[in-house]
């Protein structure tokens, strides 16, 4: 027997140590160094791995464990307004240190239009549920089999919100735990909001000021802002189905201009004037469009 070959007793000692309550989930490096700190040594890390592998017990241990991937979120495709809504809450700082107001925002996925909003002094599932009901009524979506997507905040997953969604026949969809980019459309909205030139860098004096500013911003966003992701039509134009006519008109004007001065179009092509396709929430890689869920 080779001099460095472990005896059966040595192997059993390694197995017993690694299977003990203290070390059962610990990586080999932790076991070796913990024992060394106690003045004990049973084997090197590589030997421990070899013995565990021999006995089919070499699953990843401790920090060596493969991180579990969060399951993919549900995929929904909006082909018209009113099918999929997303919502979230963001902070609006006051001029008093440590005091914040909260903008509750509901956005239509298809058109990016802000269809419901309120500013409150607290985060509350009850207030969110009330806003949802008013928004569905104003949009003609009451009991309309709407998908509502949000992150995993306390207000989003509150009992009051779930009860109201059940009452209204709303299908809930949530982002994956600890995944920040599963609600990208409304996050993009908040980025636009907080980087708008009129955003008060020193905060809002009162909640009335915050509400007035939010109302003015959302009017601008819905009716004036030509959204780059909508091929530069406004969210309201997209929401009303006017985008096709607007973009077709642009295309005609560009073709007329090109006809008059073709030399100015070096590559021969005018800019894209096609309406943007249906919008998909959390598209899965390699999923064909027809395979995604179409919200009824």
C-alpha atoms as a PDB file:
ATOM      1  CA  UNK A   1       0.000   0.000   0.000  1.00  0.00           C
ATOM      2  CA  UNK A   2       1.482   3.426  -0.909  1.00  0.00           C
ATOM      3  CA  UNK A   3       2.795   5.294   2.106  1.00  0.00           C
ATOM      4  CA  UNK A   4       0.467   8.218   1.503  1.00  0.00           C
ATOM      5  CA  UNK A   5      -2.631   6.099   0.999  1.00  0.00           C
ATOM      6  CA  UNK A   6      -5.301   6.680   3.613  1.00  0.00           C
ATOM      7  CA  UNK A   7      -6.393   3.772   5.720  1.00  0.00           C
ATOM      8  CA  UNK A   8     -10.053   2.913   5.986  1.00  0.00           C
ATOM      9  CA  UNK A   9     -10.001   4.386   9.488  1.00  0.00           C
ATOM     10  CA  UNK A  10      -8.568   7.676   8.179  1.00  0.00           C
ATOM     11  CA  UNK A  11     -11.246   7.917   5.493  1.00  0.00           C
ATOM     12  CA  UNK A  12     -13.956   7.212   8.029  1.00  0.00           C
ATOM     13  CA  UNK A  13     -12.606   9.929  10.315  1.00  0.00           C
ATOM     14  CA  UNK A  14     -12.769  12.424   7.436  1.00  0.00           C
ATOM     15  CA  UNK A  15     -16.317  11.369   6.594  1.00  0.00           C
ATOM     16  CA  UNK A  16     -17.425  11.546  10.216  1.00  0.00           C
ATOM     17  CA  UNK A  17     -15.939  15.014  10.596  1.00  0.00           C
ATOM     18  CA  UNK A  18     -17.459  16.355   7.375  1.00  0.00           C
ATOM     19  CA  UNK A  19     -20.853  14.863   8.226  1.00  0.00           C
ATOM     20  CA  UNK A  20     -20.917  16.206  11.773  1.00  0.00           C
ATOM     21  CA  UNK A  21     -23.491  18.843  12.701  1.00  0.00           C
ATOM     22  CA  UNK A  22     -20.731  21.439  12.993  1.00  0.00           C
ATOM     23  CA  UNK A  23     -19.243  20.906   9.540  1.00  0.00           C
ATOM     24  CA  UNK A  24     -22.026  19.346   7.447  1.00  0.00           C
ATOM     25  CA  UNK A  25     -22.556  22.473   5.314  1.00  0.00           C
ATOM     26  CA  UNK A  26     -19.039  23.851   5.502  1.00  0.00           C
ATOM     27  CA  UNK A  27     -16.476  23.907   2.658  1.00  0.00           C
ATOM     28  CA  UNK A  28     -13.263  21.933   3.019  1.00  0.00           C
ATOM     29  CA  UNK A  29     -11.156  25.058   3.539  1.00  0.00           C
ATOM     30  CA  UNK A  30     -13.285  26.047   6.515  1.00  0.00           C
ATOM     31  CA  UNK A  31     -13.021  22.572   8.037  1.00  0.00           C
ATOM     32  CA  UNK A  32      -9.241  22.356   7.649  1.00  0.00           C
ATOM     33  CA  UNK A  33      -8.566  25.817   9.070  1.00  0.00           C
ATOM     34  CA  UNK A  34     -11.038  25.481  11.928  1.00  0.00           C
ATOM     35  CA  UNK A  35      -9.383  22.242  13.001  1.00  0.00           C
ATOM     36  CA  UNK A  36      -5.924  23.771  12.662  1.00  0.00           C
ATOM     37  CA  UNK A  37      -7.002  26.603  14.976  1.00  0.00           C
ATOM     38  CA  UNK A  38      -7.805  23.906  17.502  1.00  0.00           C
ATOM     39  CA  UNK A  39      -4.459  22.198  16.992  1.00  0.00           C
ATOM     40  CA  UNK A  40      -5.981  19.338  14.998  1.00  0.00           C
ATOM     41  CA  UNK A  41      -5.288  18.086  11.492  1.00  0.00           C
ATOM     42  CA  UNK A  42      -7.009  15.243   9.676  1.00  0.00           C
ATOM     43  CA  UNK A  43      -6.234  15.908   5.989  1.00  0.00           C
ATOM     44  CA  UNK A  44      -5.624  18.547   3.356  1.00  0.00           C
ATOM     45  CA  UNK A  45      -8.446  20.231   1.460  1.00  0.00           C
ATOM     46  CA  UNK A  46      -7.713  18.224  -1.685  1.00  0.00           C
ATOM     47  CA  UNK A  47      -7.743  14.964   0.286  1.00  0.00           C
ATOM     48  CA  UNK A  48     -11.071  15.855   1.880  1.00  0.00           C
ATOM     49  CA  UNK A  49     -12.502  16.592  -1.572  1.00  0.00           C
ATOM     50  CA  UNK A  50     -11.117  13.296  -2.892  1.00  0.00           C
ATOM     51  CA  UNK A  51     -12.618  11.269  -0.045  1.00  0.00           C
ATOM     52  CA  UNK A  52     -15.991  12.966  -0.337  1.00  0.00           C
ATOM     53  CA  UNK A  53     -15.957  12.451  -4.097  1.00  0.00           C
ATOM     54  CA  UNK A  54     -15.094   8.770  -3.655  1.00  0.00           C
ATOM     55  CA  UNK A  55     -18.108   8.334  -1.389  1.00  0.00           C
ATOM     56  CA  UNK A  56     -20.334  10.489  -3.634  1.00  0.00           C
ATOM     57  CA  UNK A  57     -20.685  13.189  -1.001  1.00  0.00           C
ATOM     58  CA  UNK A  58     -18.838  15.965  -2.771  1.00  0.00           C
ATOM     59  CA  UNK A  59     -21.837  18.207  -3.335  1.00  0.00           C
ATOM     60  CA  UNK A  60     -21.025  21.907  -3.224  1.00  0.00           C
ATOM     61  CA  UNK A  61     -20.771  23.002   0.389  1.00  0.00           C
ATOM     62  CA  UNK A  62     -21.209  26.341   2.156  1.00  0.00           C
ATOM     63  CA  UNK A  63     -20.047  29.296   0.062  1.00  0.00           C
ATOM     64  CA  UNK A  64     -19.045  26.838  -2.633  1.00  0.00           C
ATOM     65  CA  UNK A  65     -22.709  26.117  -3.251  1.00  0.00           C
ATOM     66  CA  UNK A  66     -24.023  27.052  -6.636  1.00  0.00           C
ATOM     67  CA  UNK A  67     -26.216  30.090  -6.226  1.00  0.00           C
ATOM     68  CA  UNK A  68     -29.781  29.257  -7.002  1.00  0.00           C
ATOM     69  CA  UNK A  69     -31.174  31.313  -9.807  1.00  0.00           C
ATOM     70  CA  UNK A  70     -34.451  33.004  -9.099  1.00  0.00           C
ATOM     71  CA  UNK A  71     -37.168  31.541 -11.291  1.00  0.00           C
ATOM     72  CA  UNK A  72     -37.907  33.620 -14.332  1.00  0.00           C
ATOM     73  CA  UNK A  73     -40.778  36.047 -13.820  1.00  0.00           C
ATOM     74  CA  UNK A  74     -43.970  35.660 -15.786  1.00  0.00           C
ATOM     75  CA  UNK A  75     -43.883  37.085 -19.293  1.00  0.00           C
ATOM     76  CA  UNK A  76     -46.810  39.142 -20.529  1.00  0.00           C
ATOM     77  CA  UNK A  77     -47.171  40.898 -23.875  1.00  0.00           C
ATOM     78  CA  UNK A  78     -49.423  43.932 -24.230  1.00  0.00           C
ATOM     79  CA  UNK A  79     -50.859  44.368 -27.731  1.00  0.00           C
ATOM     80  CA  UNK A  80     -53.121  47.281 -26.778  1.00  0.00           C
ATOM     81  CA  UNK A  81     -53.767  49.596 -23.828  1.00  0.00           C
ATOM     82  CA  UNK A  82     -55.413  48.236 -20.716  1.00  0.00           C
ATOM     83  CA  UNK A  83     -53.969  44.738 -20.794  1.00  0.00           C
ATOM     84  CA  UNK A  84     -50.919  45.054 -18.537  1.00  0.00           C
ATOM     85  CA  UNK A  85     -50.329  47.725 -15.906  1.00  0.00           C
ATOM     86  CA  UNK A  86     -47.193  48.195 -13.826  1.00  0.00           C
ATOM     87  CA  UNK A  87     -46.978  50.147 -10.609  1.00  0.00           C
ATOM     88  CA  UNK A  88     -44.519  51.275  -7.995  1.00  0.00           C
ATOM     89  CA  UNK A  89     -43.853  53.866  -5.310  1.00  0.00           C
ATOM     90  CA  UNK A  90     -40.929  56.287  -5.271  1.00  0.00           C
ATOM     91  CA  UNK A  91     -39.638  58.796  -2.750  1.00  0.00           C
ATOM     92  CA  UNK A  92     -40.119  62.538  -3.189  1.00  0.00           C
ATOM     93  CA  UNK A  93     -37.880  64.307  -0.645  1.00  0.00           C
ATOM     94  CA  UNK A  94     -39.212  67.197   1.386  1.00  0.00           C
ATOM     95  CA  UNK A  95     -37.165  70.169   2.533  1.00  0.00           C
ATOM     96  CA  UNK A  96     -37.185  68.700   6.037  1.00  0.00           C
ATOM     97  CA  UNK A  97     -34.394  66.228   6.675  1.00  0.00           C
ATOM     98  CA  UNK A  98     -35.706  62.696   7.019  1.00  0.00           C
ATOM     99  CA  UNK A  99     -39.210  63.516   5.783  1.00  0.00           C
ATOM    100  CA  UNK A 100     -40.390  62.116   2.463  1.00  0.00           C
ATOM    101  CA  UNK A 101     -43.504  62.091   0.352  1.00  0.00           C
ATOM    102  CA  UNK A 102     -44.401  59.074  -1.745  1.00  0.00           C
ATOM    103  CA  UNK A 103     -45.476  59.061  -5.372  1.00  0.00           C
ATOM    104  CA  UNK A 104     -47.724  56.098  -6.186  1.00  0.00           C
ATOM    105  CA  UNK A 105     -47.674  55.515  -9.936  1.00  0.00           C
ATOM    106  CA  UNK A 106     -49.592  53.166 -12.242  1.00  0.00           C
ATOM    107  CA  UNK A 107     -48.392  52.937 -15.845  1.00  0.00           C
ATOM    108  CA  UNK A 108     -49.888  51.241 -18.882  1.00  0.00           C
ATOM    109  CA  UNK A 109     -47.283  48.881 -20.304  1.00  0.00           C
ATOM    110  CA  UNK A 110     -48.364  49.195 -23.939  1.00  0.00           C
ATOM    111  CA  UNK A 111     -48.446  52.985 -24.157  1.00  0.00           C
ATOM    112  CA  UNK A 112     -46.193  53.957 -21.216  1.00  0.00           C
ATOM    113  CA  UNK A 113     -48.934  56.387 -20.218  1.00  0.00           C
ATOM    114  CA  UNK A 114     -49.216  57.257 -16.530  1.00  0.00           C
ATOM    115  CA  UNK A 115     -52.837  56.257 -15.995  1.00  0.00           C
ATOM    116  CA  UNK A 116     -53.028  56.739 -12.232  1.00  0.00           C
ATOM    117  CA  UNK A 117     -51.027  58.545  -9.586  1.00  0.00           C
ATOM    118  CA  UNK A 118     -51.230  60.038  -6.116  1.00  0.00           C
ATOM    119  CA  UNK A 119     -48.779  61.587  -3.663  1.00  0.00           C
ATOM    120  CA  UNK A 120     -49.113  60.608  -0.002  1.00  0.00           C
ATOM    121  CA  UNK A 121     -47.107  61.070   3.175  1.00  0.00           C
ATOM    122  CA  UNK A 122     -46.943  57.316   3.896  1.00  0.00           C
ATOM    123  CA  UNK A 123     -46.602  53.985   2.103  1.00  0.00           C
ATOM    124  CA  UNK A 124     -49.820  52.054   2.534  1.00  0.00           C
ATOM    125  CA  UNK A 125     -51.442  49.029   0.956  1.00  0.00           C
ATOM    126  CA  UNK A 126     -54.867  50.524   1.628  1.00  0.00           C
ATOM    127  CA  UNK A 127     -53.996  53.733  -0.238  1.00  0.00           C
ATOM    128  CA  UNK A 128     -52.533  51.728  -3.116  1.00  0.00           C
ATOM    129  CA  UNK A 129     -55.659  49.578  -3.328  1.00  0.00           C
ATOM    130  CA  UNK A 130     -57.841  52.682  -3.473  1.00  0.00           C
ATOM    131  CA  UNK A 131     -55.702  54.170  -6.254  1.00  0.00           C
ATOM    132  CA  UNK A 132     -55.900  50.938  -8.229  1.00  0.00           C
ATOM    133  CA  UNK A 133     -59.687  50.886  -8.045  1.00  0.00           C
ATOM    134  CA  UNK A 134     -60.007  54.532  -9.134  1.00  0.00           C
ATOM    135  CA  UNK A 135     -57.564  53.966 -11.988  1.00  0.00           C
ATOM    136  CA  UNK A 136     -59.430  50.937 -13.311  1.00  0.00           C
ATOM    137  CA  UNK A 137     -62.697  52.876 -13.176  1.00  0.00           C
ATOM    138  CA  UNK A 138     -61.267  55.906 -14.983  1.00  0.00           C
ATOM    139  CA  UNK A 139     -59.688  53.707 -17.662  1.00  0.00           C
ATOM    140  CA  UNK A 140     -62.806  51.603 -18.179  1.00  0.00           C
ATOM    141  CA  UNK A 141     -61.008  48.487 -16.970  1.00  0.00           C
ATOM    142  CA  UNK A 142     -63.214  47.556 -14.039  1.00  0.00           C
ATOM    143  CA  UNK A 143     -63.318  43.749 -13.942  1.00  0.00           C
ATOM    144  CA  UNK A 144     -61.389  43.773 -17.200  1.00  0.00           C
ATOM    145  CA  UNK A 145     -58.994  40.866 -16.539  1.00  0.00           C
ATOM    146  CA  UNK A 146     -55.989  43.169 -16.206  1.00  0.00           C
ATOM    147  CA  UNK A 147     -52.459  42.070 -15.264  1.00  0.00           C
ATOM    148  CA  UNK A 148     -50.850  44.248 -12.586  1.00  0.00           C
ATOM    149  CA  UNK A 149     -47.075  43.926 -12.168  1.00  0.00           C
ATOM    150  CA  UNK A 150     -45.021  45.286  -9.289  1.00  0.00           C
ATOM    151  CA  UNK A 151     -41.945  44.596  -7.240  1.00  0.00           C
ATOM    152  CA  UNK A 152     -42.035  42.920  -3.825  1.00  0.00           C
ATOM    153  CA  UNK A 153     -42.461  45.956  -1.583  1.00  0.00           C
ATOM    154  CA  UNK A 154     -44.635  45.865   1.520  1.00  0.00           C
ATOM    155  CA  UNK A 155     -47.448  47.896  -0.038  1.00  0.00           C
ATOM    156  CA  UNK A 156     -47.328  45.809  -3.221  1.00  0.00           C
ATOM    157  CA  UNK A 157     -47.750  42.538  -1.349  1.00  0.00           C
ATOM    158  CA  UNK A 158     -50.058  43.818   1.373  1.00  0.00           C
ATOM    159  CA  UNK A 159     -53.229  42.001   2.312  1.00  0.00           C
ATOM    160  CA  UNK A 160     -55.285  45.074   1.414  1.00  0.00           C
ATOM    161  CA  UNK A 161     -53.847  45.118  -2.099  1.00  0.00           C
ATOM    162  CA  UNK A 162     -54.358  41.399  -2.641  1.00  0.00           C
ATOM    163  CA  UNK A 163     -57.963  41.568  -1.433  1.00  0.00           C
ATOM    164  CA  UNK A 164     -58.708  44.493  -3.755  1.00  0.00           C
ATOM    165  CA  UNK A 165     -57.079  42.762  -6.730  1.00  0.00           C
ATOM    166  CA  UNK A 166     -59.110  39.636  -6.053  1.00  0.00           C
ATOM    167  CA  UNK A 167     -62.264  41.726  -5.817  1.00  0.00           C
ATOM    168  CA  UNK A 168     -61.511  43.476  -9.109  1.00  0.00           C
ATOM    169  CA  UNK A 169     -60.412  40.357 -10.976  1.00  0.00           C
ATOM    170  CA  UNK A 170     -56.851  41.639 -11.420  1.00  0.00           C
ATOM    171  CA  UNK A 171     -54.081  39.104 -12.070  1.00  0.00           C
ATOM    172  CA  UNK A 172     -51.008  39.813  -9.942  1.00  0.00           C
ATOM    173  CA  UNK A 173     -47.445  39.568 -11.198  1.00  0.00           C
ATOM    174  CA  UNK A 174     -44.354  40.243  -9.087  1.00  0.00           C
ATOM    175  CA  UNK A 175     -40.670  40.743  -9.762  1.00  0.00           C
ATOM    176  CA  UNK A 176     -38.252  38.069  -8.608  1.00  0.00           C
ATOM    177  CA  UNK A 177     -36.877  38.476  -5.109  1.00  0.00           C
ATOM    178  CA  UNK A 178     -33.758  40.670  -5.021  1.00  0.00           C
ATOM    179  CA  UNK A 179     -33.899  41.277  -8.787  1.00  0.00           C
ATOM    180  CA  UNK A 180     -33.990  44.978  -9.579  1.00  0.00           C
ATOM    181  CA  UNK A 181     -34.662  44.953 -13.322  1.00  0.00           C
ATOM    182  CA  UNK A 182     -37.930  43.008 -13.506  1.00  0.00           C
ATOM    183  CA  UNK A 183     -39.967  46.235 -13.560  1.00  0.00           C
ATOM    184  CA  UNK A 184     -37.855  48.278 -15.996  1.00  0.00           C
ATOM    185  CA  UNK A 185     -40.553  50.421 -17.583  1.00  0.00           C
ATOM    186  CA  UNK A 186     -41.702  52.162 -14.444  1.00  0.00           C
ATOM    187  CA  UNK A 187     -38.091  52.444 -13.237  1.00  0.00           C
ATOM    188  CA  UNK A 188     -37.349  54.263 -16.491  1.00  0.00           C
ATOM    189  CA  UNK A 189     -40.304  56.561 -15.793  1.00  0.00           C
ATOM    190  CA  UNK A 190     -38.951  57.396 -12.334  1.00  0.00           C
ATOM    191  CA  UNK A 191     -35.521  58.100 -13.827  1.00  0.00           C
ATOM    192  CA  UNK A 192     -37.070  60.544 -16.302  1.00  0.00           C
ATOM    193  CA  UNK A 193     -39.041  62.135 -13.473  1.00  0.00           C
ATOM    194  CA  UNK A 194     -36.091  62.673 -11.137  1.00  0.00           C
ATOM    195  CA  UNK A 195     -33.780  63.955 -13.864  1.00  0.00           C
ATOM    196  CA  UNK A 196     -36.310  66.366 -15.333  1.00  0.00           C
ATOM    197  CA  UNK A 197     -35.054  69.945 -15.362  1.00  0.00           C
ATOM    198  CA  UNK A 198     -37.891  71.059 -13.044  1.00  0.00           C
ATOM    199  CA  UNK A 199     -37.184  68.453 -10.335  1.00  0.00           C
ATOM    200  CA  UNK A 200     -36.539  70.463  -7.139  1.00  0.00           C
ATOM    201  CA  UNK A 201     -33.096  69.429  -5.986  1.00  0.00           C
ATOM    202  CA  UNK A 202     -33.692  70.865  -2.521  1.00  0.00           C
ATOM    203  CA  UNK A 203     -36.911  68.951  -2.046  1.00  0.00           C
ATOM    204  CA  UNK A 204     -40.560  69.909  -1.824  1.00  0.00           C
ATOM    205  CA  UNK A 205     -41.722  72.456   0.729  1.00  0.00           C
ATOM    206  CA  UNK A 206     -45.108  70.820   1.361  1.00  0.00           C
ATOM    207  CA  UNK A 207     -47.052  67.794   0.206  1.00  0.00           C
ATOM    208  CA  UNK A 208     -49.285  70.182  -1.749  1.00  0.00           C
ATOM    209  CA  UNK A 209     -46.222  71.360  -3.672  1.00  0.00           C
ATOM    210  CA  UNK A 210     -45.248  67.746  -4.337  1.00  0.00           C
ATOM    211  CA  UNK A 211     -48.725  66.926  -5.621  1.00  0.00           C
ATOM    212  CA  UNK A 212     -48.849  69.970  -7.889  1.00  0.00           C
ATOM    213  CA  UNK A 213     -45.409  69.232  -9.307  1.00  0.00           C
ATOM    214  CA  UNK A 214     -46.270  65.576  -9.915  1.00  0.00           C
ATOM    215  CA  UNK A 215     -49.462  66.562 -11.728  1.00  0.00           C
ATOM    216  CA  UNK A 216     -47.622  68.993 -13.983  1.00  0.00           C
ATOM    217  CA  UNK A 217     -44.846  66.515 -14.717  1.00  0.00           C
ATOM    218  CA  UNK A 218     -47.242  63.702 -15.558  1.00  0.00           C
ATOM    219  CA  UNK A 219     -49.218  65.984 -17.883  1.00  0.00           C
ATOM    220  CA  UNK A 220     -45.945  66.812 -19.647  1.00  0.00           C
ATOM    221  CA  UNK A 221     -44.917  63.158 -19.753  1.00  0.00           C
ATOM    222  CA  UNK A 222     -48.230  61.923 -21.134  1.00  0.00           C
ATOM    223  CA  UNK A 223     -49.073  64.711 -23.583  1.00  0.00           C
ATOM    224  CA  UNK A 224     -45.876  66.543 -24.561  1.00  0.00           C
ATOM    225  CA  UNK A 225     -42.907  64.214 -24.057  1.00  0.00           C
ATOM    226  CA  UNK A 226     -42.058  62.419 -27.308  1.00  0.00           C
ATOM    227  CA  UNK A 227     -40.956  59.075 -25.941  1.00  0.00           C
ATOM    228  CA  UNK A 228     -37.846  57.575 -27.553  1.00  0.00           C
ATOM    229  CA  UNK A 229     -39.069  54.014 -26.928  1.00  0.00           C
ATOM    230  CA  UNK A 230     -42.345  54.826 -28.710  1.00  0.00           C
ATOM    231  CA  UNK A 231     -40.535  56.133 -31.810  1.00  0.00           C
ATOM    232  CA  UNK A 232     -41.063  59.675 -30.596  1.00  0.00           C
ATOM    233  CA  UNK A 233     -44.804  59.834 -30.177  1.00  0.00           C
ATOM    234  CA  UNK A 234     -46.265  60.778 -26.810  1.00  0.00           C
ATOM    235  CA  UNK A 235     -47.626  58.122 -24.454  1.00  0.00           C
ATOM    236  CA  UNK A 236     -51.104  59.595 -24.850  1.00  0.00           C
ATOM    237  CA  UNK A 237     -50.892  59.397 -28.653  1.00  0.00           C
ATOM    238  CA  UNK A 238     -49.877  55.755 -28.365  1.00  0.00           C
ATOM    239  CA  UNK A 239     -52.633  55.148 -25.820  1.00  0.00           C
ATOM    240  CA  UNK A 240     -55.276  56.581 -28.162  1.00  0.00           C
ATOM    241  CA  UNK A 241     -53.988  54.634 -31.164  1.00  0.00           C
ATOM    242  CA  UNK A 242     -52.858  57.774 -32.998  1.00  0.00           C
ATOM    243  CA  UNK A 243     -49.248  56.676 -33.374  1.00  0.00           C
ATOM    244  CA  UNK A 244     -49.723  54.867 -36.686  1.00  0.00           C
ATOM    245  CA  UNK A 245     -51.224  57.902 -38.407  1.00  0.00           C
ATOM    246  CA  UNK A 246     -48.636  60.257 -36.919  1.00  0.00           C
ATOM    247  CA  UNK A 247     -45.732  58.071 -37.996  1.00  0.00           C
ATOM    248  CA  UNK A 248     -47.212  57.505 -41.456  1.00  0.00           C
ATOM    249  CA  UNK A 249     -47.492  61.275 -41.870  1.00  0.00           C
ATOM    250  CA  UNK A 250     -43.851  61.686 -40.880  1.00  0.00           C
ATOM    251  CA  UNK A 251     -42.854  59.061 -43.412  1.00  0.00           C
ATOM    252  CA  UNK A 252     -44.712  60.871 -46.209  1.00  0.00           C
ATOM    253  CA  UNK A 253     -43.061  64.159 -45.318  1.00  0.00           C
ATOM    254  CA  UNK A 254     -39.637  62.539 -45.293  1.00  0.00           C
ATOM    255  CA  UNK A 255     -40.244  60.892 -48.659  1.00  0.00           C
ATOM    256  CA  UNK A 256     -41.306  64.241 -50.102  1.00  0.00           C
ATOM    257  CA  UNK A 257     -38.165  65.885 -48.761  1.00  0.00           C
ATOM    258  CA  UNK A 258     -36.020  63.081 -50.115  1.00  0.00           C
ATOM    259  CA  UNK A 259     -37.675  63.438 -53.524  1.00  0.00           C
ATOM    260  CA  UNK A 260     -36.720  67.103 -53.644  1.00  0.00           C
ATOM    261  CA  UNK A 261     -33.148  66.615 -52.457  1.00  0.00           C
ATOM    262  CA  UNK A 262     -32.104  62.960 -52.856  1.00  0.00           C
ATOM    263  CA  UNK A 263     -28.449  63.950 -52.562  1.00  0.00           C
ATOM    264  CA  UNK A 264     -28.999  64.675 -48.883  1.00  0.00           C
ATOM    265  CA  UNK A 265     -29.834  61.034 -48.199  1.00  0.00           C
ATOM    266  CA  UNK A 266     -26.390  59.546 -48.711  1.00  0.00           C
ATOM    267  CA  UNK A 267     -27.439  56.048 -47.678  1.00  0.00           C
ATOM    268  CA  UNK A 268     -30.733  56.305 -49.493  1.00  0.00           C
ATOM    269  CA  UNK A 269     -32.878  55.535 -46.457  1.00  0.00           C
ATOM    270  CA  UNK A 270     -35.156  57.740 -44.423  1.00  0.00           C
ATOM    271  CA  UNK A 271     -35.449  57.270 -40.659  1.00  0.00           C
ATOM    272  CA  UNK A 272     -37.633  54.478 -39.349  1.00  0.00           C
ATOM    273  CA  UNK A 273     -41.266  55.562 -39.089  1.00  0.00           C
ATOM    274  CA  UNK A 274     -42.798  52.252 -38.061  1.00  0.00           C
ATOM    275  CA  UNK A 275     -44.924  52.028 -34.912  1.00  0.00           C
ATOM    276  CA  UNK A 276     -43.175  50.137 -32.144  1.00  0.00           C
ATOM    277  CA  UNK A 277     -44.273  46.499 -31.746  1.00  0.00           C
ATOM    278  CA  UNK A 278     -46.283  45.135 -28.811  1.00  0.00           C
ATOM    279  CA  UNK A 279     -44.507  45.569 -25.499  1.00  0.00           C
ATOM    280  CA  UNK A 280     -43.373  42.540 -23.519  1.00  0.00           C
ATOM    281  CA  UNK A 281     -42.834  42.564 -19.775  1.00  0.00           C
ATOM    282  CA  UNK A 282     -39.779  40.500 -18.783  1.00  0.00           C
ATOM    283  CA  UNK A 283     -39.239  38.823 -22.161  1.00  0.00           C
ATOM    284  CA  UNK A 284     -37.604  35.427 -21.843  1.00  0.00           C
ATOM    285  CA  UNK A 285     -34.635  34.627 -24.027  1.00  0.00           C
ATOM    286  CA  UNK A 286     -35.382  32.457 -27.029  1.00  0.00           C
ATOM    287  CA  UNK A 287     -39.130  32.656 -26.466  1.00  0.00           C
ATOM    288  CA  UNK A 288     -40.994  33.113 -29.712  1.00  0.00           C
ATOM    289  CA  UNK A 289     -43.460  36.021 -29.661  1.00  0.00           C
ATOM    290  CA  UNK A 290     -46.449  33.740 -30.044  1.00  0.00           C
ATOM    291  CA  UNK A 291     -45.294  31.708 -27.055  1.00  0.00           C
ATOM    292  CA  UNK A 292     -45.493  34.645 -24.668  1.00  0.00           C
ATOM    293  CA  UNK A 293     -48.700  35.071 -22.732  1.00  0.00           C
ATOM    294  CA  UNK A 294     -51.029  37.569 -24.371  1.00  0.00           C
ATOM    295  CA  UNK A 295     -53.088  39.300 -21.735  1.00  0.00           C
ATOM    296  CA  UNK A 296     -56.749  38.935 -22.664  1.00  0.00           C
END
